[in-house]
Amino acid sequence: MSSIGPGIISIVAGVIGLAIVAVIVSQKANTSQVLTGAGSALSSVIGAAVQPVSGSNTFGSAGQTVGGVTG
């Protein structure tokens, strides 16, 4: 009876893992857009963190004014 528990847990974990893979691979999940957005957000955060040290304007394109700073 005690050997049934780990078997059931393994099956449930396998089903959950399969569901996660199905969502990631699905065409409707827009995984690439989510990853691209997350990468852009991380890049912006890093740029904001190093801006006082580097003195660069990482918040806009050249010619745009952001927060009183013209890029």
PDB file of N, CA and C in Angstrom:
ATOM      1  N   MET A   1       0.820  -1.196   0.000  1.00  0.00           N
ATOM      2  CA  MET A   1       0.000   0.000   0.000  1.00  0.00           C
ATOM      3  C   MET A   1       0.862   1.256   0.000  1.00  0.00           C
ATOM      4  N   SER A   2       2.013   1.202   0.676  1.00  0.00           N
ATOM      5  CA  SER A   2       2.856   2.395   0.754  1.00  0.00           C
ATOM      6  C   SER A   2       3.564   2.688  -0.564  1.00  0.00           C
ATOM      7  N   SER A   3       3.634   1.723  -1.474  1.00  0.00           N
ATOM      8  CA  SER A   3       4.297   1.959  -2.760  1.00  0.00           C
ATOM      9  C   SER A   3       3.372   2.602  -3.784  1.00  0.00           C
ATOM     10  N   ILE A   4       2.100   2.712  -3.486  1.00  0.00           N
ATOM     11  CA  ILE A   4       1.147   3.324  -4.419  1.00  0.00           C
ATOM     12  C   ILE A   4       1.285   4.847  -4.428  1.00  0.00           C
ATOM     13  N   GLY A   5       1.553   5.441  -3.276  1.00  0.00           N
ATOM     14  CA  GLY A   5       1.642   6.907  -3.167  1.00  0.00           C
ATOM     15  C   GLY A   5       2.672   7.525  -4.099  1.00  0.00           C
ATOM     16  N   PRO A   6       3.926   7.076  -4.086  1.00  0.00           N
ATOM     17  CA  PRO A   6       4.924   7.657  -4.983  1.00  0.00           C
ATOM     18  C   PRO A   6       4.584   7.460  -6.463  1.00  0.00           C
ATOM     19  N   GLY A   7       3.944   6.358  -6.796  1.00  0.00           N
ATOM     20  CA  GLY A   7       3.535   6.121  -8.184  1.00  0.00           C
ATOM     21  C   GLY A   7       2.492   7.122  -8.644  1.00  0.00           C
ATOM     22  N   ILE A   8       1.526   7.390  -7.784  1.00  0.00           N
ATOM     23  CA  ILE A   8       0.477   8.357  -8.117  1.00  0.00           C
ATOM     24  C   ILE A   8       1.076   9.754  -8.228  1.00  0.00           C
ATOM     25  N   ILE A   9       1.976  10.097  -7.330  1.00  0.00           N
ATOM     26  CA  ILE A   9       2.621  11.419  -7.374  1.00  0.00           C
ATOM     27  C   ILE A   9       3.421  11.573  -8.662  1.00  0.00           C
ATOM     28  N   SER A  10       4.104  10.511  -9.083  1.00  0.00           N
ATOM     29  CA  SER A  10       4.860  10.566 -10.342  1.00  0.00           C
ATOM     30  C   SER A  10       3.950  10.774 -11.540  1.00  0.00           C
ATOM     31  N   ILE A  11       2.825  10.107 -11.556  1.00  0.00           N
ATOM     32  CA  ILE A  11       1.870  10.258 -12.665  1.00  0.00           C
ATOM     33  C   ILE A  11       1.309  11.672 -12.700  1.00  0.00           C
ATOM     34  N   VAL A  12       0.918  12.196 -11.544  1.00  0.00           N
ATOM     35  CA  VAL A  12       0.373  13.557 -11.482  1.00  0.00           C
ATOM     36  C   VAL A  12       1.427  14.572 -11.920  1.00  0.00           C
ATOM     37  N   ALA A  13       2.663  14.405 -11.470  1.00  0.00           N
ATOM     38  CA  ALA A  13       3.735  15.317 -11.869  1.00  0.00           C
ATOM     39  C   ALA A  13       3.987  15.247 -13.372  1.00  0.00           C
ATOM     40  N   GLY A  14       3.900  14.056 -13.940  1.00  0.00           N
ATOM     41  CA  GLY A  14       4.072  13.897 -15.388  1.00  0.00           C
ATOM     42  C   GLY A  14       2.976  14.595 -16.174  1.00  0.00           C
ATOM     43  N   VAL A  15       1.742  14.477 -15.708  1.00  0.00           N
ATOM     44  CA  VAL A  15       0.619  15.137 -16.387  1.00  0.00           C
ATOM     45  C   VAL A  15       0.768  16.654 -16.309  1.00  0.00           C
ATOM     46  N   ILE A  16       1.172  17.166 -15.155  1.00  0.00           N
ATOM     47  CA  ILE A  16       1.377  18.615 -15.010  1.00  0.00           C
ATOM     48  C   ILE A  16       2.515  19.082 -15.919  1.00  0.00           C
ATOM     49  N   GLY A  17       3.597  18.324 -15.975  1.00  0.00           N
ATOM     50  CA  GLY A  17       4.710  18.672 -16.858  1.00  0.00           C
ATOM     51  C   GLY A  17       4.301  18.681 -18.316  1.00  0.00           C
ATOM     52  N   LEU A  18       3.509  17.703 -18.732  1.00  0.00           N
ATOM     53  CA  LEU A  18       3.020  17.649 -20.098  1.00  0.00           C
ATOM     54  C   LEU A  18       2.127  18.847 -20.411  1.00  0.00           C
ATOM     55  N   ALA A  19       1.297  19.246 -19.462  1.00  0.00           N
ATOM     56  CA  ALA A  19       0.431  20.411 -19.667  1.00  0.00           C
ATOM     57  C   ALA A  19       1.261  21.679 -19.825  1.00  0.00           C
ATOM     58  N   ILE A  20       2.327  21.810 -19.046  1.00  0.00           N
ATOM     59  CA  ILE A  20       3.195  22.991 -19.151  1.00  0.00           C
ATOM     60  C   ILE A  20       3.865  23.041 -20.516  1.00  0.00           C
ATOM     61  N   VAL A  21       4.375  21.911 -20.982  1.00  0.00           N
ATOM     62  CA  VAL A  21       5.017  21.855 -22.300  1.00  0.00           C
ATOM     63  C   VAL A  21       4.014  22.178 -23.397  1.00  0.00           C
ATOM     64  N   ALA A  22       2.788  21.685 -23.283  1.00  0.00           N
ATOM     65  CA  ALA A  22       1.760  21.958 -24.285  1.00  0.00           C
ATOM     66  C   ALA A  22       1.439  23.442 -24.367  1.00  0.00           C
ATOM     67  N   VAL A  23       1.403  24.115 -23.237  1.00  0.00           N
ATOM     68  CA  VAL A  23       1.126  25.557 -23.236  1.00  0.00           C
ATOM     69  C   VAL A  23       2.284  26.328 -23.856  1.00  0.00           C
ATOM     70  N   ILE A  24       3.517  25.932 -23.538  1.00  0.00           N
ATOM     71  CA  ILE A  24       4.684  26.628 -24.069  1.00  0.00           C
ATOM     72  C   ILE A  24       4.789  26.458 -25.578  1.00  0.00           C
ATOM     73  N   VAL A  25       4.501  25.276 -26.089  1.00  0.00           N
ATOM     74  CA  VAL A  25       4.668  24.979 -27.507  1.00  0.00           C
ATOM     75  C   VAL A  25       3.474  25.451 -28.335  1.00  0.00           C
ATOM     76  N   SER A  26       2.348  25.681 -27.721  1.00  0.00           N
ATOM     77  CA  SER A  26       1.124  26.042 -28.434  1.00  0.00           C
ATOM     78  C   SER A  26       1.297  27.308 -29.257  1.00  0.00           C
ATOM     79  N   GLN A  27       0.707  27.323 -30.445  1.00  0.00           N
ATOM     80  CA  GLN A  27       0.748  28.490 -31.322  1.00  0.00           C
ATOM     81  C   GLN A  27      -0.070  29.651 -30.732  1.00  0.00           C
ATOM     82  N   LYS A  28      -1.084  29.332 -29.965  1.00  0.00           N
ATOM     83  CA  LYS A  28      -1.953  30.360 -29.397  1.00  0.00           C
ATOM     84  C   LYS A  28      -1.356  31.012 -28.150  1.00  0.00           C
ATOM     85  N   ALA A  29      -0.291  30.446 -27.613  1.00  0.00           N
ATOM     86  CA  ALA A  29       0.269  30.955 -26.361  1.00  0.00           C
ATOM     87  C   ALA A  29       1.104  32.212 -26.556  1.00  0.00           C
ATOM     88  N   ASN A  30       1.537  32.531 -27.784  1.00  0.00           N
ATOM     89  CA  ASN A  30       2.376  33.691 -28.076  1.00  0.00           C
ATOM     90  C   ASN A  30       3.625  33.711 -27.199  1.00  0.00           C
ATOM     91  N   THR A  31       4.245  32.557 -27.043  1.00  0.00           N
ATOM     92  CA  THR A  31       5.414  32.434 -26.173  1.00  0.00           C
ATOM     93  C   THR A  31       6.534  33.360 -26.614  1.00  0.00           C
ATOM     94  N   SER A  32       6.757  33.451 -27.929  1.00  0.00           N
ATOM     95  CA  SER A  32       7.854  34.291 -28.410  1.00  0.00           C
ATOM     96  C   SER A  32       7.604  35.758 -28.086  1.00  0.00           C
ATOM     97  N   GLN A  33       6.359  36.212 -28.197  1.00  0.00           N
ATOM     98  CA  GLN A  33       6.045  37.601 -27.860  1.00  0.00           C
ATOM     99  C   GLN A  33       6.210  37.860 -26.369  1.00  0.00           C
ATOM    100  N   VAL A  34       5.851  36.901 -25.552  1.00  0.00           N
ATOM    101  CA  VAL A  34       6.012  37.049 -24.103  1.00  0.00           C
ATOM    102  C   VAL A  34       7.492  37.130 -23.750  1.00  0.00           C
ATOM    103  N   LEU A  35       8.309  36.252 -24.337  1.00  0.00           N
ATOM    104  CA  LEU A  35       9.746  36.272 -24.066  1.00  0.00           C
ATOM    105  C   LEU A  35      10.394  37.551 -24.579  1.00  0.00           C
ATOM    106  N   THR A  36       9.968  38.032 -25.751  1.00  0.00           N
ATOM    107  CA  THR A  36      10.501  39.275 -26.287  1.00  0.00           C
ATOM    108  C   THR A  36      10.137  40.450 -25.383  1.00  0.00           C
ATOM    109  N   GLY A  37       8.908  40.483 -24.918  1.00  0.00           N
ATOM    110  CA  GLY A  37       8.486  41.545 -23.999  1.00  0.00           C
ATOM    111  C   GLY A  37       9.245  41.514 -22.690  1.00  0.00           C
ATOM    112  N   ALA A  38       9.462  40.317 -22.168  1.00  0.00           N
ATOM    113  CA  ALA A  38      10.216  40.187 -20.921  1.00  0.00           C
ATOM    114  C   ALA A  38      11.661  40.629 -21.111  1.00  0.00           C
ATOM    115  N   GLY A  39      12.242  40.289 -22.253  1.00  0.00           N
ATOM    116  CA  GLY A  39      13.614  40.719 -22.546  1.00  0.00           C
ATOM    117  C   GLY A  39      13.721  42.223 -22.679  1.00  0.00           C
ATOM    118  N   SER A  40      12.744  42.839 -23.331  1.00  0.00           N
ATOM    119  CA  SER A  40      12.742  44.300 -23.477  1.00  0.00           C
ATOM    120  C   SER A  40      12.590  44.977 -22.116  1.00  0.00           C
ATOM    121  N   ALA A  41      11.735  44.428 -21.280  1.00  0.00           N
ATOM    122  CA  ALA A  41      11.549  44.998 -19.947  1.00  0.00           C
ATOM    123  C   ALA A  41      12.827  44.891 -19.125  1.00  0.00           C
ATOM    124  N   LEU A  42      13.492  43.735 -19.196  1.00  0.00           N
ATOM    125  CA  LEU A  42      14.747  43.564 -18.475  1.00  0.00           C
ATOM    126  C   LEU A  42      15.814  44.518 -18.991  1.00  0.00           C
ATOM    127  N   SER A  43      15.860  44.706 -20.294  1.00  0.00           N
ATOM    128  CA  SER A  43      16.823  45.640 -20.881  1.00  0.00           C
ATOM    129  C   SER A  43      16.577  47.067 -20.399  1.00  0.00           C
ATOM    130  N   SER A  44      15.326  47.462 -20.324  1.00  0.00           N
ATOM    131  CA  SER A  44      14.989  48.805 -19.842  1.00  0.00           C
ATOM    132  C   SER A  44      15.383  48.992 -18.383  1.00  0.00           C
ATOM    133  N   VAL A  45      15.143  47.970 -17.576  1.00  0.00           N
ATOM    134  CA  VAL A  45      15.497  48.049 -16.154  1.00  0.00           C
ATOM    135  C   VAL A  45      17.008  48.165 -15.985  1.00  0.00           C
ATOM    136  N   ILE A  46      17.754  47.363 -16.728  1.00  0.00           N
ATOM    137  CA  ILE A  46      19.219  47.433 -16.651  1.00  0.00           C
ATOM    138  C   ILE A  46      19.708  48.787 -17.141  1.00  0.00           C
ATOM    139  N   GLY A  47      19.131  49.289 -18.222  1.00  0.00           N
ATOM    140  CA  GLY A  47      19.508  50.606 -18.736  1.00  0.00           C
ATOM    141  C   GLY A  47      19.242  51.712 -17.726  1.00  0.00           C
ATOM    142  N   ALA A  48      18.112  51.624 -17.039  1.00  0.00           N
ATOM    143  CA  ALA A  48      17.797  52.626 -16.020  1.00  0.00           C
ATOM    144  C   ALA A  48      18.757  52.526 -14.841  1.00  0.00           C
ATOM    145  N   ALA A  49      19.186  51.322 -14.527  1.00  0.00           N
ATOM    146  CA  ALA A  49      20.093  51.142 -13.392  1.00  0.00           C
ATOM    147  C   ALA A  49      21.483  51.685 -13.677  1.00  0.00           C
ATOM    148  N   VAL A  50      21.959  51.551 -14.915  1.00  0.00           N
ATOM    149  CA  VAL A  50      23.319  52.004 -15.238  1.00  0.00           C
ATOM    150  C   VAL A  50      23.360  53.428 -15.779  1.00  0.00           C
ATOM    151  N   GLN A  51      22.219  54.044 -16.001  1.00  0.00           N
ATOM    152  CA  GLN A  51      22.162  55.394 -16.567  1.00  0.00           C
ATOM    153  C   GLN A  51      22.924  56.421 -15.735  1.00  0.00           C
ATOM    154  N   PRO A  52      22.814  56.430 -14.412  1.00  0.00           N
ATOM    155  CA  PRO A  52      23.573  57.423 -13.650  1.00  0.00           C
ATOM    156  C   PRO A  52      25.091  57.252 -13.790  1.00  0.00           C
ATOM    157  N   VAL A  53      25.534  56.033 -14.029  1.00  0.00           N
ATOM    158  CA  VAL A  53      26.967  55.774 -14.163  1.00  0.00           C
ATOM    159  C   VAL A  53      27.446  56.074 -15.576  1.00  0.00           C
ATOM    160  N   SER A  54      26.676  55.626 -16.569  1.00  0.00           N
ATOM    161  CA  SER A  54      27.111  55.785 -17.962  1.00  0.00           C
ATOM    162  C   SER A  54      26.745  57.145 -18.531  1.00  0.00           C
ATOM    163  N   GLY A  55      25.706  57.779 -18.002  1.00  0.00           N
ATOM    164  CA  GLY A  55      25.272  59.078 -18.494  1.00  0.00           C
ATOM    165  C   GLY A  55      24.523  59.008 -19.804  1.00  0.00           C
ATOM    166  N   SER A  56      24.170  57.827 -20.248  1.00  0.00           N
ATOM    167  CA  SER A  56      23.464  57.691 -21.518  1.00  0.00           C
ATOM    168  C   SER A  56      21.965  57.757 -21.304  1.00  0.00           C
ATOM    169  N   ASN A  57      21.254  58.128 -22.378  1.00  0.00           N
ATOM    170  CA  ASN A  57      19.797  58.182 -22.340  1.00  0.00           C
ATOM    171  C   ASN A  57      19.277  56.896 -22.952  1.00  0.00           C
ATOM    172  N   THR A  58      18.803  55.976 -22.129  1.00  0.00           N
ATOM    173  CA  THR A  58      18.344  54.681 -22.631  1.00  0.00           C
ATOM    174  C   THR A  58      16.832  54.617 -22.729  1.00  0.00           C
ATOM    175  N   PHE A  59      16.138  55.723 -22.502  1.00  0.00           N
ATOM    176  CA  PHE A  59      14.681  55.677 -22.454  1.00  0.00           C
ATOM    177  C   PHE A  59      14.003  56.113 -23.738  1.00  0.00           C
ATOM    178  N   GLY A  60      14.722  56.558 -24.740  1.00  0.00           N
ATOM    179  CA  GLY A  60      14.077  56.991 -25.960  1.00  0.00           C
ATOM    180  C   GLY A  60      15.041  57.036 -27.117  1.00  0.00           C
ATOM    181  N   SER A  61      14.511  57.277 -28.299  1.00  0.00           N
ATOM    182  CA  SER A  61      15.355  57.383 -29.475  1.00  0.00           C
ATOM    183  C   SER A  61      15.993  58.759 -29.523  1.00  0.00           C
ATOM    184  N   ALA A  62      16.969  58.913 -30.399  1.00  0.00           N
ATOM    185  CA  ALA A  62      17.632  60.202 -30.562  1.00  0.00           C
ATOM    186  C   ALA A  62      16.623  61.250 -30.985  1.00  0.00           C
ATOM    187  N   GLY A  63      16.673  62.400 -30.364  1.00  0.00           N
ATOM    188  CA  GLY A  63      15.763  63.488 -30.691  1.00  0.00           C
ATOM    189  C   GLY A  63      14.522  63.537 -29.838  1.00  0.00           C
ATOM    190  N   GLN A  64      14.273  62.529 -29.046  1.00  0.00           N
ATOM    191  CA  GLN A  64      13.109  62.535 -28.181  1.00  0.00           C
ATOM    192  C   GLN A  64      13.504  63.064 -26.803  1.00  0.00           C
ATOM    193  N   THR A  65      12.579  63.782 -26.184  1.00  0.00           N
ATOM    194  CA  THR A  65      12.813  64.265 -24.838  1.00  0.00           C
ATOM    195  C   THR A  65      12.066  63.369 -23.861  1.00  0.00           C
ATOM    196  N   VAL A  66      12.811  62.846 -22.918  1.00  0.00           N
ATOM    197  CA  VAL A  66      12.229  61.956 -21.912  1.00  0.00           C
ATOM    198  C   VAL A  66      12.684  62.448 -20.544  1.00  0.00           C
ATOM    199  N   GLY A  67      11.758  62.859 -19.723  1.00  0.00           N
ATOM    200  CA  GLY A  67      12.088  63.314 -18.390  1.00  0.00           C
ATOM    201  C   GLY A  67      12.991  64.545 -18.377  1.00  0.00           C
ATOM    202  N   GLY A  68      12.845  65.391 -19.389  1.00  0.00           N
ATOM    203  CA  GLY A  68      13.642  66.606 -19.449  1.00  0.00           C
ATOM    204  C   GLY A  68      15.005  66.417 -20.081  1.00  0.00           C
ATOM    205  N   VAL A  69      15.331  65.211 -20.501  1.00  0.00           N
ATOM    206  CA  VAL A  69      16.630  64.922 -21.125  1.00  0.00           C
ATOM    207  C   VAL A  69      16.402  64.677 -22.595  1.00  0.00           C
ATOM    208  N   THR A  70      17.098  65.403 -23.448  1.00  0.00           N
ATOM    209  CA  THR A  70      16.974  65.219 -24.885  1.00  0.00           C
ATOM    210  C   THR A  70      18.001  64.209 -25.357  1.00  0.00           C
ATOM    211  N   GLY A  71      17.530  63.179 -26.048  1.00  0.00           N
ATOM    212  CA  GLY A  71      18.415  62.123 -26.532  1.00  0.00           C
ATOM    213  C   GLY A  71      18.917  62.390 -27.922  1.00  0.00           C
TER     214      GLY A  71
END
